[in-house]
């Protein structure tokens, strides 16, 4: 399986050791074949109640099914008061989000979106 959940809790850069996040790795492919596993990982991270870091640094492909899942997750996390932070989203992820016009729904940082243009 390409997509993995990093269940290890780690502090955010510049934060004290007591500040923890749950890291979820998107892997290289965000597609229909990985949606079920990704959904499980995202739900587990949401259940932790901790801030969530989505590692999108290796994403080489992304389809509409995975993007729809990420949008639903971002909405659920925001509604439940859980913060999401993206770790190095790739050009592929950013371009796909822009193409589908969901960059705001995904809570992608604006500096990442403009920096990659």
PDB file of N, CA and C in Angstrom:
ATOM      1  N   UNK A   1       0.852  -1.180   0.000  1.00  0.00           N
ATOM      2  CA  UNK A   1       0.000   0.000   0.000  1.00  0.00           C
ATOM      3  C   UNK A   1       0.894   1.238   0.000  1.00  0.00           C
ATOM      4  N   UNK A   2       0.590   2.184  -0.859  1.00  0.00           N
ATOM      5  CA  UNK A   2       1.378   3.401  -0.984  1.00  0.00           C
ATOM      6  C   UNK A   2       1.020   4.414   0.089  1.00  0.00           C
ATOM      7  N   UNK A   3      -0.274   4.541   0.364  1.00  0.00           N
ATOM      8  CA  UNK A   3      -0.707   5.518   1.367  1.00  0.00           C
ATOM      9  C   UNK A   3      -0.497   4.924   2.751  1.00  0.00           C
ATOM     10  N   UNK A   4       0.093   5.695   3.628  1.00  0.00           N
ATOM     11  CA  UNK A   4       0.346   5.246   4.988  1.00  0.00           C
ATOM     12  C   UNK A   4      -0.085   6.323   5.964  1.00  0.00           C
ATOM     13  N   UNK A   5      -0.478   5.877   7.149  1.00  0.00           N
ATOM     14  CA  UNK A   5      -0.757   6.815   8.223  1.00  0.00           C
ATOM     15  C   UNK A   5       0.420   6.792   9.167  1.00  0.00           C
ATOM     16  N   UNK A   6       0.917   7.948   9.482  1.00  0.00           N
ATOM     17  CA  UNK A   6       1.983   8.065  10.467  1.00  0.00           C
ATOM     18  C   UNK A   6       1.304   8.318  11.806  1.00  0.00           C
ATOM     19  N   UNK A   7       1.123   7.278  12.588  1.00  0.00           N
ATOM     20  CA  UNK A   7       0.424   7.411  13.865  1.00  0.00           C
ATOM     21  C   UNK A   7       1.294   8.061  14.932  1.00  0.00           C
ATOM     22  N   UNK A   8       2.532   8.283  14.611  1.00  0.00           N
ATOM     23  CA  UNK A   8       3.441   8.923  15.556  1.00  0.00           C
ATOM     24  C   UNK A   8       3.031  10.378  15.744  1.00  0.00           C
ATOM     25  N   UNK A   9       2.965  10.791  16.983  1.00  0.00           N
ATOM     26  CA  UNK A   9       2.648  12.182  17.276  1.00  0.00           C
ATOM     27  C   UNK A   9       3.950  12.966  17.253  1.00  0.00           C
ATOM     28  N   UNK A  10       3.925  14.127  16.631  1.00  0.00           N
ATOM     29  CA  UNK A  10       5.146  14.932  16.572  1.00  0.00           C
ATOM     30  C   UNK A  10       4.807  16.405  16.727  1.00  0.00           C
ATOM     31  N   UNK A  11       5.735  17.159  17.333  1.00  0.00           N
ATOM     32  CA  UNK A  11       5.466  18.590  17.489  1.00  0.00           C
ATOM     33  C   UNK A  11       5.579  19.300  16.148  1.00  0.00           C
ATOM     34  N   UNK A  12       4.805  20.355  15.972  1.00  0.00           N
ATOM     35  CA  UNK A  12       4.912  21.187  14.790  1.00  0.00           C
ATOM     36  C   UNK A  12       6.212  21.976  14.879  1.00  0.00           C
ATOM     37  N   UNK A  13       6.804  22.344  13.725  1.00  0.00           N
ATOM     38  CA  UNK A  13       8.036  23.128  13.757  1.00  0.00           C
ATOM     39  C   UNK A  13       7.851  24.412  14.560  1.00  0.00           C
ATOM     40  N   UNK A  14       8.793  24.694  15.443  1.00  0.00           N
ATOM     41  CA  UNK A  14       8.754  25.908  16.241  1.00  0.00           C
ATOM     42  C   UNK A  14       7.826  25.832  17.438  1.00  0.00           C
ATOM     43  N   UNK A  15       7.222  24.677  17.673  1.00  0.00           N
ATOM     44  CA  UNK A  15       6.293  24.513  18.787  1.00  0.00           C
ATOM     45  C   UNK A  15       6.961  23.697  19.892  1.00  0.00           C
ATOM     46  N   UNK A  16       6.547  23.925  21.131  1.00  0.00           N
ATOM     47  CA  UNK A  16       7.097  23.138  22.226  1.00  0.00           C
ATOM     48  C   UNK A  16       6.763  21.658  22.059  1.00  0.00           C
ATOM     49  N   UNK A  17       7.557  20.816  22.672  1.00  0.00           N
ATOM     50  CA  UNK A  17       7.387  19.373  22.578  1.00  0.00           C
ATOM     51  C   UNK A  17       5.992  18.928  23.000  1.00  0.00           C
ATOM     52  N   UNK A  18       5.340  19.688  23.877  1.00  0.00           N
ATOM     53  CA  UNK A  18       4.022  19.306  24.361  1.00  0.00           C
ATOM     54  C   UNK A  18       2.918  19.531  23.320  1.00  0.00           C
ATOM     55  N   UNK A  19       3.196  20.297  22.277  1.00  0.00           N
ATOM     56  CA  UNK A  19       2.218  20.519  21.221  1.00  0.00           C
ATOM     57  C   UNK A  19       2.343  19.375  20.225  1.00  0.00           C
ATOM     58  N   UNK A  20       1.296  18.592  20.098  1.00  0.00           N
ATOM     59  CA  UNK A  20       1.333  17.411  19.255  1.00  0.00           C
ATOM     60  C   UNK A  20       0.396  17.533  18.075  1.00  0.00           C
ATOM     61  N   UNK A  21       0.721  16.820  17.009  1.00  0.00           N
ATOM     62  CA  UNK A  21      -0.151  16.714  15.845  1.00  0.00           C
ATOM     63  C   UNK A  21      -0.217  15.250  15.433  1.00  0.00           C
ATOM     64  N   UNK A  22      -1.208  14.929  14.658  1.00  0.00           N
ATOM     65  CA  UNK A  22      -1.305  13.619  14.034  1.00  0.00           C
ATOM     66  C   UNK A  22      -0.938  13.825  12.575  1.00  0.00           C
ATOM     67  N   UNK A  23       0.003  13.035  12.083  1.00  0.00           N
ATOM     68  CA  UNK A  23       0.442  13.162  10.697  1.00  0.00           C
ATOM     69  C   UNK A  23      -0.177  12.060   9.844  1.00  0.00           C
ATOM     70  N   UNK A  24      -0.728  12.466   8.704  1.00  0.00           N
ATOM     71  CA  UNK A  24      -1.289  11.528   7.739  1.00  0.00           C
ATOM     72  C   UNK A  24      -0.551  11.746   6.427  1.00  0.00           C
ATOM     73  N   UNK A  25       0.043  10.686   5.910  1.00  0.00           N
ATOM     74  CA  UNK A  25       0.763  10.775   4.646  1.00  0.00           C
ATOM     75  C   UNK A  25      -0.149  10.387   3.498  1.00  0.00           C
ATOM     76  N   UNK A  26      -0.165  11.208   2.457  1.00  0.00           N
ATOM     77  CA  UNK A  26      -0.986  10.923   1.281  1.00  0.00           C
ATOM     78  C   UNK A  26      -0.333   9.911   0.348  1.00  0.00           C
ATOM     79  N   UNK A  27       0.960   9.717   0.473  1.00  0.00           N
ATOM     80  CA  UNK A  27       1.660   8.827  -0.441  1.00  0.00           C
ATOM     81  C   UNK A  27       1.833   9.470  -1.802  1.00  0.00           C
ATOM     82  N   UNK A  28       2.144   8.645  -2.793  1.00  0.00           N
ATOM     83  CA  UNK A  28       2.403   9.160  -4.137  1.00  0.00           C
ATOM     84  C   UNK A  28       1.145   9.310  -4.976  1.00  0.00           C
ATOM     85  N   UNK A  29       0.153   8.441  -4.731  1.00  0.00           N
ATOM     86  CA  UNK A  29      -1.037   8.434  -5.564  1.00  0.00           C
ATOM     87  C   UNK A  29      -2.287   8.656  -4.731  1.00  0.00           C
ATOM     88  N   UNK A  30      -3.039   9.693  -5.077  1.00  0.00           N
ATOM     89  CA  UNK A  30      -4.339   9.948  -4.467  1.00  0.00           C
ATOM     90  C   UNK A  30      -5.375   9.599  -5.523  1.00  0.00           C
ATOM     91  N   UNK A  31      -5.868   8.377  -5.445  1.00  0.00           N
ATOM     92  CA  UNK A  31      -6.809   7.934  -6.460  1.00  0.00           C
ATOM     93  C   UNK A  31      -7.905   7.074  -5.884  1.00  0.00           C
ATOM     94  N   UNK A  32      -8.790   6.662  -6.744  1.00  0.00           N
ATOM     95  CA  UNK A  32      -9.936   5.867  -6.327  1.00  0.00           C
ATOM     96  C   UNK A  32      -9.485   4.598  -5.605  1.00  0.00           C
ATOM     97  N   UNK A  33      -8.345   4.055  -5.996  1.00  0.00           N
ATOM     98  CA  UNK A  33      -7.860   2.819  -5.369  1.00  0.00           C
ATOM     99  C   UNK A  33      -7.351   3.033  -3.948  1.00  0.00           C
ATOM    100  N   UNK A  34      -7.060   4.266  -3.570  1.00  0.00           N
ATOM    101  CA  UNK A  34      -6.545   4.542  -2.227  1.00  0.00           C
ATOM    102  C   UNK A  34      -7.542   5.264  -1.336  1.00  0.00           C
ATOM    103  N   UNK A  35      -8.720   5.601  -1.877  1.00  0.00           N
ATOM    104  CA  UNK A  35      -9.690   6.407  -1.142  1.00  0.00           C
ATOM    105  C   UNK A  35     -10.148   5.727   0.152  1.00  0.00           C
ATOM    106  N   UNK A  36     -10.423   4.436   0.093  1.00  0.00           N
ATOM    107  CA  UNK A  36     -10.912   3.738   1.291  1.00  0.00           C
ATOM    108  C   UNK A  36      -9.883   3.801   2.419  1.00  0.00           C
ATOM    109  N   UNK A  37      -8.634   3.483   2.115  1.00  0.00           N
ATOM    110  CA  UNK A  37      -7.576   3.518   3.135  1.00  0.00           C
ATOM    111  C   UNK A  37      -7.334   4.937   3.633  1.00  0.00           C
ATOM    112  N   UNK A  38      -7.359   5.889   2.711  1.00  0.00           N
ATOM    113  CA  UNK A  38      -7.158   7.280   3.103  1.00  0.00           C
ATOM    114  C   UNK A  38      -8.293   7.742   4.012  1.00  0.00           C
ATOM    115  N   UNK A  39      -9.501   7.346   3.691  1.00  0.00           N
ATOM    116  CA  UNK A  39     -10.656   7.714   4.513  1.00  0.00           C
ATOM    117  C   UNK A  39     -10.487   7.178   5.938  1.00  0.00           C
ATOM    118  N   UNK A  40     -10.082   5.927   6.061  1.00  0.00           N
ATOM    119  CA  UNK A  40      -9.850   5.343   7.385  1.00  0.00           C
ATOM    120  C   UNK A  40      -8.798   6.128   8.157  1.00  0.00           C
ATOM    121  N   UNK A  41      -7.708   6.456   7.493  1.00  0.00           N
ATOM    122  CA  UNK A  41      -6.619   7.197   8.143  1.00  0.00           C
ATOM    123  C   UNK A  41      -7.062   8.580   8.591  1.00  0.00           C
ATOM    124  N   UNK A  42      -7.806   9.256   7.733  1.00  0.00           N
ATOM    125  CA  UNK A  42      -8.274  10.597   8.068  1.00  0.00           C
ATOM    126  C   UNK A  42      -9.279  10.560   9.219  1.00  0.00           C
ATOM    127  N   UNK A  43     -10.156   9.568   9.223  1.00  0.00           N
ATOM    128  CA  UNK A  43     -11.131   9.447  10.313  1.00  0.00           C
ATOM    129  C   UNK A  43     -10.434   9.166  11.649  1.00  0.00           C
ATOM    130  N   UNK A  44      -9.406   8.316  11.630  1.00  0.00           N
ATOM    131  CA  UNK A  44      -8.642   8.035  12.853  1.00  0.00           C
ATOM    132  C   UNK A  44      -7.958   9.301  13.353  1.00  0.00           C
ATOM    133  N   UNK A  45      -7.406  10.076  12.440  1.00  0.00           N
ATOM    134  CA  UNK A  45      -6.729  11.311  12.852  1.00  0.00           C
ATOM    135  C   UNK A  45      -7.728  12.302  13.436  1.00  0.00           C
ATOM    136  N   UNK A  46      -8.901  12.378  12.855  1.00  0.00           N
ATOM    137  CA  UNK A  46      -9.942  13.279  13.353  1.00  0.00           C
ATOM    138  C   UNK A  46     -10.408  12.849  14.745  1.00  0.00           C
ATOM    139  N   UNK A  47     -10.506  11.554  14.961  1.00  0.00           N
ATOM    140  CA  UNK A  47     -10.946  11.032  16.259  1.00  0.00           C
ATOM    141  C   UNK A  47      -9.956  11.344  17.376  1.00  0.00           C
ATOM    142  N   UNK A  48      -8.699  11.600  17.022  1.00  0.00           N
ATOM    143  CA  UNK A  48      -7.686  11.889  18.042  1.00  0.00           C
ATOM    144  C   UNK A  48      -7.936  13.233  18.732  1.00  0.00           C
ATOM    145  N   UNK A  49      -8.617  14.138  18.028  1.00  0.00           N
ATOM    146  CA  UNK A  49      -8.865  15.465  18.581  1.00  0.00           C
ATOM    147  C   UNK A  49      -7.661  16.385  18.527  1.00  0.00           C
ATOM    148  N   UNK A  50      -6.561  15.915  17.972  1.00  0.00           N
ATOM    149  CA  UNK A  50      -5.342  16.721  17.861  1.00  0.00           C
ATOM    150  C   UNK A  50      -5.293  17.424  16.504  1.00  0.00           C
ATOM    151  N   UNK A  51      -4.492  18.472  16.395  1.00  0.00           N
ATOM    152  CA  UNK A  51      -4.286  19.088  15.082  1.00  0.00           C
ATOM    153  C   UNK A  51      -3.745  18.041  14.100  1.00  0.00           C
ATOM    154  N   UNK A  52      -4.125  18.169  12.832  1.00  0.00           N
ATOM    155  CA  UNK A  52      -3.764  17.178  11.821  1.00  0.00           C
ATOM    156  C   UNK A  52      -2.845  17.797  10.790  1.00  0.00           C
ATOM    157  N   UNK A  53      -1.755  17.106  10.519  1.00  0.00           N
ATOM    158  CA  UNK A  53      -0.836  17.512   9.461  1.00  0.00           C
ATOM    159  C   UNK A  53      -0.977  16.513   8.323  1.00  0.00           C
ATOM    160  N   UNK A  54      -1.347  17.012   7.145  1.00  0.00           N
ATOM    161  CA  UNK A  54      -1.470  16.156   5.972  1.00  0.00           C
ATOM    162  C   UNK A  54      -0.214  16.321   5.134  1.00  0.00           C
ATOM    163  N   UNK A  55       0.565  15.244   5.068  1.00  0.00           N
ATOM    164  CA  UNK A  55       1.817  15.258   4.313  1.00  0.00           C
ATOM    165  C   UNK A  55       1.516  14.922   2.860  1.00  0.00           C
ATOM    166  N   UNK A  56       1.560  15.938   2.024  1.00  0.00           N
ATOM    167  CA  UNK A  56       1.281  15.779   0.602  1.00  0.00           C
ATOM    168  C   UNK A  56       2.542  16.006  -0.223  1.00  0.00           C
ATOM    169  N   UNK A  57       3.688  15.807   0.383  1.00  0.00           N
ATOM    170  CA  UNK A  57       4.962  16.111  -0.275  1.00  0.00           C
ATOM    171  C   UNK A  57       5.355  15.112  -1.353  1.00  0.00           C
ATOM    172  N   UNK A  58       4.713  13.951  -1.392  1.00  0.00           N
ATOM    173  CA  UNK A  58       5.070  12.932  -2.377  1.00  0.00           C
ATOM    174  C   UNK A  58       3.996  12.725  -3.441  1.00  0.00           C
ATOM    175  N   UNK A  59       2.917  13.482  -3.388  1.00  0.00           N
ATOM    176  CA  UNK A  59       1.792  13.265  -4.307  1.00  0.00           C
ATOM    177  C   UNK A  59       2.227  13.510  -5.751  1.00  0.00           C
ATOM    178  N   UNK A  60       2.075  12.454  -6.576  1.00  0.00           N
ATOM    179  CA  UNK A  60       2.411  12.547  -7.997  1.00  0.00           C
ATOM    180  C   UNK A  60       1.178  12.487  -8.883  1.00  0.00           C
ATOM    181  N   UNK A  61       0.054  12.015  -8.303  1.00  0.00           N
ATOM    182  CA  UNK A  61      -1.203  11.981  -9.056  1.00  0.00           C
ATOM    183  C   UNK A  61      -2.353  12.115  -8.079  1.00  0.00           C
ATOM    184  N   UNK A  62      -3.430  12.739  -8.557  1.00  0.00           N
ATOM    185  CA  UNK A  62      -4.619  12.929  -7.729  1.00  0.00           C
ATOM    186  C   UNK A  62      -5.832  12.949  -8.641  1.00  0.00           C
ATOM    187  N   UNK A  63      -6.857  12.180  -8.267  1.00  0.00           N
ATOM    188  CA  UNK A  63      -8.073  12.189  -9.069  1.00  0.00           C
ATOM    189  C   UNK A  63      -9.221  12.812  -8.290  1.00  0.00           C
ATOM    190  N   UNK A  64     -10.341  12.971  -8.964  1.00  0.00           N
ATOM    191  CA  UNK A  64     -11.489  13.661  -8.385  1.00  0.00           C
ATOM    192  C   UNK A  64     -12.048  12.938  -7.162  1.00  0.00           C
ATOM    193  N   UNK A  65     -12.009  11.610  -7.144  1.00  0.00           N
ATOM    194  CA  UNK A  65     -12.536  10.863  -5.998  1.00  0.00           C
ATOM    195  C   UNK A  65     -11.752  11.189  -4.730  1.00  0.00           C
ATOM    196  N   UNK A  66     -10.445  11.213  -4.839  1.00  0.00           N
ATOM    197  CA  UNK A  66      -9.606  11.532  -3.675  1.00  0.00           C
ATOM    198  C   UNK A  66      -9.774  12.986  -3.258  1.00  0.00           C
ATOM    199  N   UNK A  67      -9.909  13.868  -4.229  1.00  0.00           N
ATOM    200  CA  UNK A  67     -10.089  15.277  -3.903  1.00  0.00           C
ATOM    201  C   UNK A  67     -11.437  15.502  -3.212  1.00  0.00           C
ATOM    202  N   UNK A  68     -12.460  14.774  -3.650  1.00  0.00           N
ATOM    203  CA  UNK A  68     -13.765  14.876  -3.005  1.00  0.00           C
ATOM    204  C   UNK A  68     -13.680  14.402  -1.556  1.00  0.00           C
ATOM    205  N   UNK A  69     -12.960  13.315  -1.316  1.00  0.00           N
ATOM    206  CA  UNK A  69     -12.772  12.820   0.047  1.00  0.00           C
ATOM    207  C   UNK A  69     -12.041  13.857   0.897  1.00  0.00           C
ATOM    208  N   UNK A  70     -10.988  14.443   0.368  1.00  0.00           N
ATOM    209  CA  UNK A  70     -10.234  15.448   1.114  1.00  0.00           C
ATOM    210  C   UNK A  70     -11.095  16.671   1.429  1.00  0.00           C
ATOM    211  N   UNK A  71     -11.958  17.054   0.494  1.00  0.00           N
ATOM    212  CA  UNK A  71     -12.868  18.187   0.750  1.00  0.00           C
ATOM    213  C   UNK A  71     -13.838  17.859   1.871  1.00  0.00           C
ATOM    214  N   UNK A  72     -14.426  16.665   1.829  1.00  0.00           N
ATOM    215  CA  UNK A  72     -15.364  16.259   2.878  1.00  0.00           C
ATOM    216  C   UNK A  72     -14.661  16.198   4.230  1.00  0.00           C
ATOM    217  N   UNK A  73     -13.438  15.686   4.241  1.00  0.00           N
ATOM    218  CA  UNK A  73     -12.673  15.614   5.475  1.00  0.00           C
ATOM    219  C   UNK A  73     -12.362  17.011   6.012  1.00  0.00           C
ATOM    220  N   UNK A  74     -11.926  17.900   5.135  1.00  0.00           N
ATOM    221  CA  UNK A  74     -11.591  19.267   5.565  1.00  0.00           C
ATOM    222  C   UNK A  74     -12.813  19.949   6.154  1.00  0.00           C
ATOM    223  N   UNK A  75     -13.960  19.748   5.539  1.00  0.00           N
ATOM    224  CA  UNK A  75     -15.194  20.345   6.051  1.00  0.00           C
ATOM    225  C   UNK A  75     -15.532  19.767   7.427  1.00  0.00           C
ATOM    226  N   UNK A  76     -15.428  18.451   7.569  1.00  0.00           N
ATOM    227  CA  UNK A  76     -15.729  17.810   8.852  1.00  0.00           C
ATOM    228  C   UNK A  76     -14.755  18.268   9.930  1.00  0.00           C
ATOM    229  N   UNK A  77     -13.476  18.351   9.595  1.00  0.00           N
ATOM    230  CA  UNK A  77     -12.475  18.793  10.563  1.00  0.00           C
ATOM    231  C   UNK A  77     -12.736  20.226  11.004  1.00  0.00           C
ATOM    232  N   UNK A  78     -13.034  21.099  10.045  1.00  0.00           N
ATOM    233  CA  UNK A  78     -13.305  22.497  10.359  1.00  0.00           C
ATOM    234  C   UNK A  78     -14.548  22.621  11.237  1.00  0.00           C
ATOM    235  N   UNK A  79     -15.587  21.883  10.906  1.00  0.00           N
ATOM    236  CA  UNK A  79     -16.830  21.914  11.675  1.00  0.00           C
ATOM    237  C   UNK A  79     -16.613  21.434  13.111  1.00  0.00           C
ATOM    238  N   UNK A  80     -15.747  20.438  13.275  1.00  0.00           N
ATOM    239  CA  UNK A  80     -15.503  19.896  14.617  1.00  0.00           C
ATOM    240  C   UNK A  80     -14.425  20.667  15.376  1.00  0.00           C
ATOM    241  N   UNK A  81     -13.872  21.711  14.766  1.00  0.00           N
ATOM    242  CA  UNK A  81     -12.882  22.546  15.447  1.00  0.00           C
ATOM    243  C   UNK A  81     -11.477  21.985  15.418  1.00  0.00           C
ATOM    244  N   UNK A  82     -11.230  21.034  14.555  1.00  0.00           N
ATOM    245  CA  UNK A  82      -9.899  20.431  14.444  1.00  0.00           C
ATOM    246  C   UNK A  82      -9.117  21.154  13.346  1.00  0.00           C
ATOM    247  N   UNK A  83      -7.894  21.552  13.652  1.00  0.00           N
ATOM    248  CA  UNK A  83      -7.113  22.287  12.659  1.00  0.00           C
ATOM    249  C   UNK A  83      -6.373  21.331  11.722  1.00  0.00           C
ATOM    250  N   UNK A  84      -6.245  21.785  10.471  1.00  0.00           N
ATOM    251  CA  UNK A  84      -5.529  21.031   9.445  1.00  0.00           C
ATOM    252  C   UNK A  84      -4.360  21.877   8.975  1.00  0.00           C
ATOM    253  N   UNK A  85      -3.237  21.226   8.827  1.00  0.00           N
ATOM    254  CA  UNK A  85      -2.060  21.900   8.268  1.00  0.00           C
ATOM    255  C   UNK A  85      -1.504  21.001   7.177  1.00  0.00           C
ATOM    256  N   UNK A  86      -1.252  21.574   6.023  1.00  0.00           N
ATOM    257  CA  UNK A  86      -0.679  20.826   4.901  1.00  0.00           C
ATOM    258  C   UNK A  86       0.841  20.894   4.970  1.00  0.00           C
ATOM    259  N   UNK A  87       1.476  19.767   4.744  1.00  0.00           N
ATOM    260  CA  UNK A  87       2.930  19.726   4.692  1.00  0.00           C
ATOM    261  C   UNK A  87       3.361  19.558   3.240  1.00  0.00           C
ATOM    262  N   UNK A  88       3.949  20.590   2.699  1.00  0.00           N
ATOM    263  CA  UNK A  88       4.535  20.611   1.364  1.00  0.00           C
ATOM    264  C   UNK A  88       3.664  19.995   0.277  1.00  0.00           C
ATOM    265  N   UNK A  89       2.450  20.540   0.067  1.00  0.00           N
ATOM    266  CA  UNK A  89       1.626  20.004  -1.020  1.00  0.00           C
ATOM    267  C   UNK A  89       2.340  20.197  -2.359  1.00  0.00           C
ATOM    268  N   UNK A  90       2.324  19.161  -3.170  1.00  0.00           N
ATOM    269  CA  UNK A  90       3.022  19.212  -4.457  1.00  0.00           C
ATOM    270  C   UNK A  90       2.259  20.042  -5.473  1.00  0.00           C
ATOM    271  N   UNK A  91       2.938  20.370  -6.547  1.00  0.00           N
ATOM    272  CA  UNK A  91       2.321  21.090  -7.654  1.00  0.00           C
ATOM    273  C   UNK A  91       1.132  20.310  -8.203  1.00  0.00           C
ATOM    274  N   UNK A  92       1.243  18.992  -8.249  1.00  0.00           N
ATOM    275  CA  UNK A  92       0.153  18.156  -8.749  1.00  0.00           C
ATOM    276  C   UNK A  92      -1.103  18.340  -7.896  1.00  0.00           C
ATOM    277  N   UNK A  93      -0.955  18.286  -6.587  1.00  0.00           N
ATOM    278  CA  UNK A  93      -2.108  18.451  -5.702  1.00  0.00           C
ATOM    279  C   UNK A  93      -2.697  19.856  -5.838  1.00  0.00           C
ATOM    280  N   UNK A  94      -1.851  20.844  -5.845  1.00  0.00           N
ATOM    281  CA  UNK A  94      -2.311  22.227  -5.962  1.00  0.00           C
ATOM    282  C   UNK A  94      -3.000  22.464  -7.303  1.00  0.00           C
ATOM    283  N   UNK A  95      -2.421  21.969  -8.377  1.00  0.00           N
ATOM    284  CA  UNK A  95      -3.012  22.140  -9.710  1.00  0.00           C
ATOM    285  C   UNK A  95      -4.365  21.441  -9.814  1.00  0.00           C
ATOM    286  N   UNK A  96      -4.446  20.238  -9.255  1.00  0.00           N
ATOM    287  CA  UNK A  96      -5.710  19.499  -9.292  1.00  0.00           C
ATOM    288  C   UNK A  96      -6.770  20.238  -8.481  1.00  0.00           C
ATOM    289  N   UNK A  97      -6.390  20.742  -7.319  1.00  0.00           N
ATOM    290  CA  UNK A  97      -7.331  21.507  -6.489  1.00  0.00           C
ATOM    291  C   UNK A  97      -7.808  22.755  -7.216  1.00  0.00           C
ATOM    292  N   UNK A  98      -6.905  23.424  -7.917  1.00  0.00           N
ATOM    293  CA  UNK A  98      -7.281  24.625  -8.658  1.00  0.00           C
ATOM    294  C   UNK A  98      -8.191  24.268  -9.833  1.00  0.00           C
ATOM    295  N   UNK A  99      -7.873  23.188 -10.531  1.00  0.00           N
ATOM    296  CA  UNK A  99      -8.676  22.755 -11.667  1.00  0.00           C
ATOM    297  C   UNK A  99     -10.106  22.442 -11.236  1.00  0.00           C
ATOM    298  N   UNK A 100     -10.241  21.790 -10.091  1.00  0.00           N
ATOM    299  CA  UNK A 100     -11.562  21.432  -9.562  1.00  0.00           C
ATOM    300  C   UNK A 100     -12.185  22.556  -8.736  1.00  0.00           C
ATOM    301  N   UNK A 101     -11.446  23.645  -8.582  1.00  0.00           N
ATOM    302  CA  UNK A 101     -11.875  24.817  -7.810  1.00  0.00           C
ATOM    303  C   UNK A 101     -12.239  24.464  -6.364  1.00  0.00           C
ATOM    304  N   UNK A 102     -11.368  23.670  -5.738  1.00  0.00           N
ATOM    305  CA  UNK A 102     -11.607  23.258  -4.353  1.00  0.00           C
ATOM    306  C   UNK A 102     -10.470  23.650  -3.419  1.00  0.00           C
ATOM    307  N   UNK A 103      -9.569  24.507  -3.869  1.00  0.00           N
ATOM    308  CA  UNK A 103      -8.427  24.867  -3.032  1.00  0.00           C
ATOM    309  C   UNK A 103      -8.858  25.495  -1.712  1.00  0.00           C
ATOM    310  N   UNK A 104      -9.929  26.272  -1.726  1.00  0.00           N
ATOM    311  CA  UNK A 104     -10.413  26.871  -0.481  1.00  0.00           C
ATOM    312  C   UNK A 104     -11.093  25.847   0.410  1.00  0.00           C
ATOM    313  N   UNK A 105     -11.836  24.930  -0.184  1.00  0.00           N
ATOM    314  CA  UNK A 105     -12.471  23.864   0.595  1.00  0.00           C
ATOM    315  C   UNK A 105     -11.431  22.977   1.279  1.00  0.00           C
ATOM    316  N   UNK A 106     -10.312  22.777   0.616  1.00  0.00           N
ATOM    317  CA  UNK A 106      -9.258  21.928   1.172  1.00  0.00           C
ATOM    318  C   UNK A 106      -8.430  22.647   2.231  1.00  0.00           C
ATOM    319  N   UNK A 107      -8.667  23.920   2.391  1.00  0.00           N
ATOM    320  CA  UNK A 107      -7.929  24.737   3.355  1.00  0.00           C
ATOM    321  C   UNK A 107      -6.429  24.700   3.036  1.00  0.00           C
ATOM    322  N   UNK A 108      -6.137  24.706   1.729  1.00  0.00           N
ATOM    323  CA  UNK A 108      -4.734  24.795   1.313  1.00  0.00           C
ATOM    324  C   UNK A 108      -4.246  26.204   1.600  1.00  0.00           C
ATOM    325  N   UNK A 109      -3.043  26.346   2.131  1.00  0.00           N
ATOM    326  CA  UNK A 109      -2.543  27.696   2.421  1.00  0.00           C
ATOM    327  C   UNK A 109      -2.378  28.497   1.146  1.00  0.00           C
ATOM    328  N   UNK A 110      -2.841  29.735   1.182  1.00  0.00           N
ATOM    329  CA  UNK A 110      -2.761  30.599  -0.012  1.00  0.00           C
ATOM    330  C   UNK A 110      -1.337  30.834  -0.465  1.00  0.00           C
ATOM    331  N   UNK A 111      -0.384  30.894   0.468  1.00  0.00           N
ATOM    332  CA  UNK A 111       1.004  31.117   0.067  1.00  0.00           C
ATOM    333  C   UNK A 111       1.538  29.956  -0.743  1.00  0.00           C
ATOM    334  N   UNK A 112       1.076  28.722  -0.447  1.00  0.00           N
ATOM    335  CA  UNK A 112       1.489  27.567  -1.227  1.00  0.00           C
ATOM    336  C   UNK A 112       0.921  27.657  -2.653  1.00  0.00           C
ATOM    337  N   UNK A 113      -0.321  28.095  -2.755  1.00  0.00           N
ATOM    338  CA  UNK A 113      -0.983  28.156  -4.051  1.00  0.00           C
ATOM    339  C   UNK A 113      -0.330  29.208  -4.925  1.00  0.00           C
ATOM    340  N   UNK A 114      -0.067  30.376  -4.375  1.00  0.00           N
ATOM    341  CA  UNK A 114       0.540  31.431  -5.182  1.00  0.00           C
ATOM    342  C   UNK A 114       2.025  31.179  -5.423  1.00  0.00           C
ATOM    343  N   UNK A 115       2.695  30.543  -4.462  1.00  0.00           N
ATOM    344  CA  UNK A 115       4.132  30.292  -4.617  1.00  0.00           C
ATOM    345  C   UNK A 115       4.405  29.321  -5.737  1.00  0.00           C
ATOM    346  N   UNK A 116       3.455  28.435  -6.040  1.00  0.00           N
ATOM    347  CA  UNK A 116       3.674  27.420  -7.079  1.00  0.00           C
ATOM    348  C   UNK A 116       3.261  27.911  -8.455  1.00  0.00           C
ATOM    349  N   UNK A 117       2.607  29.075  -8.558  1.00  0.00           N
ATOM    350  CA  UNK A 117       2.145  29.578  -9.857  1.00  0.00           C
ATOM    351  C   UNK A 117       3.280  30.084 -10.706  1.00  0.00           C
TER     352      UNK A 117
END
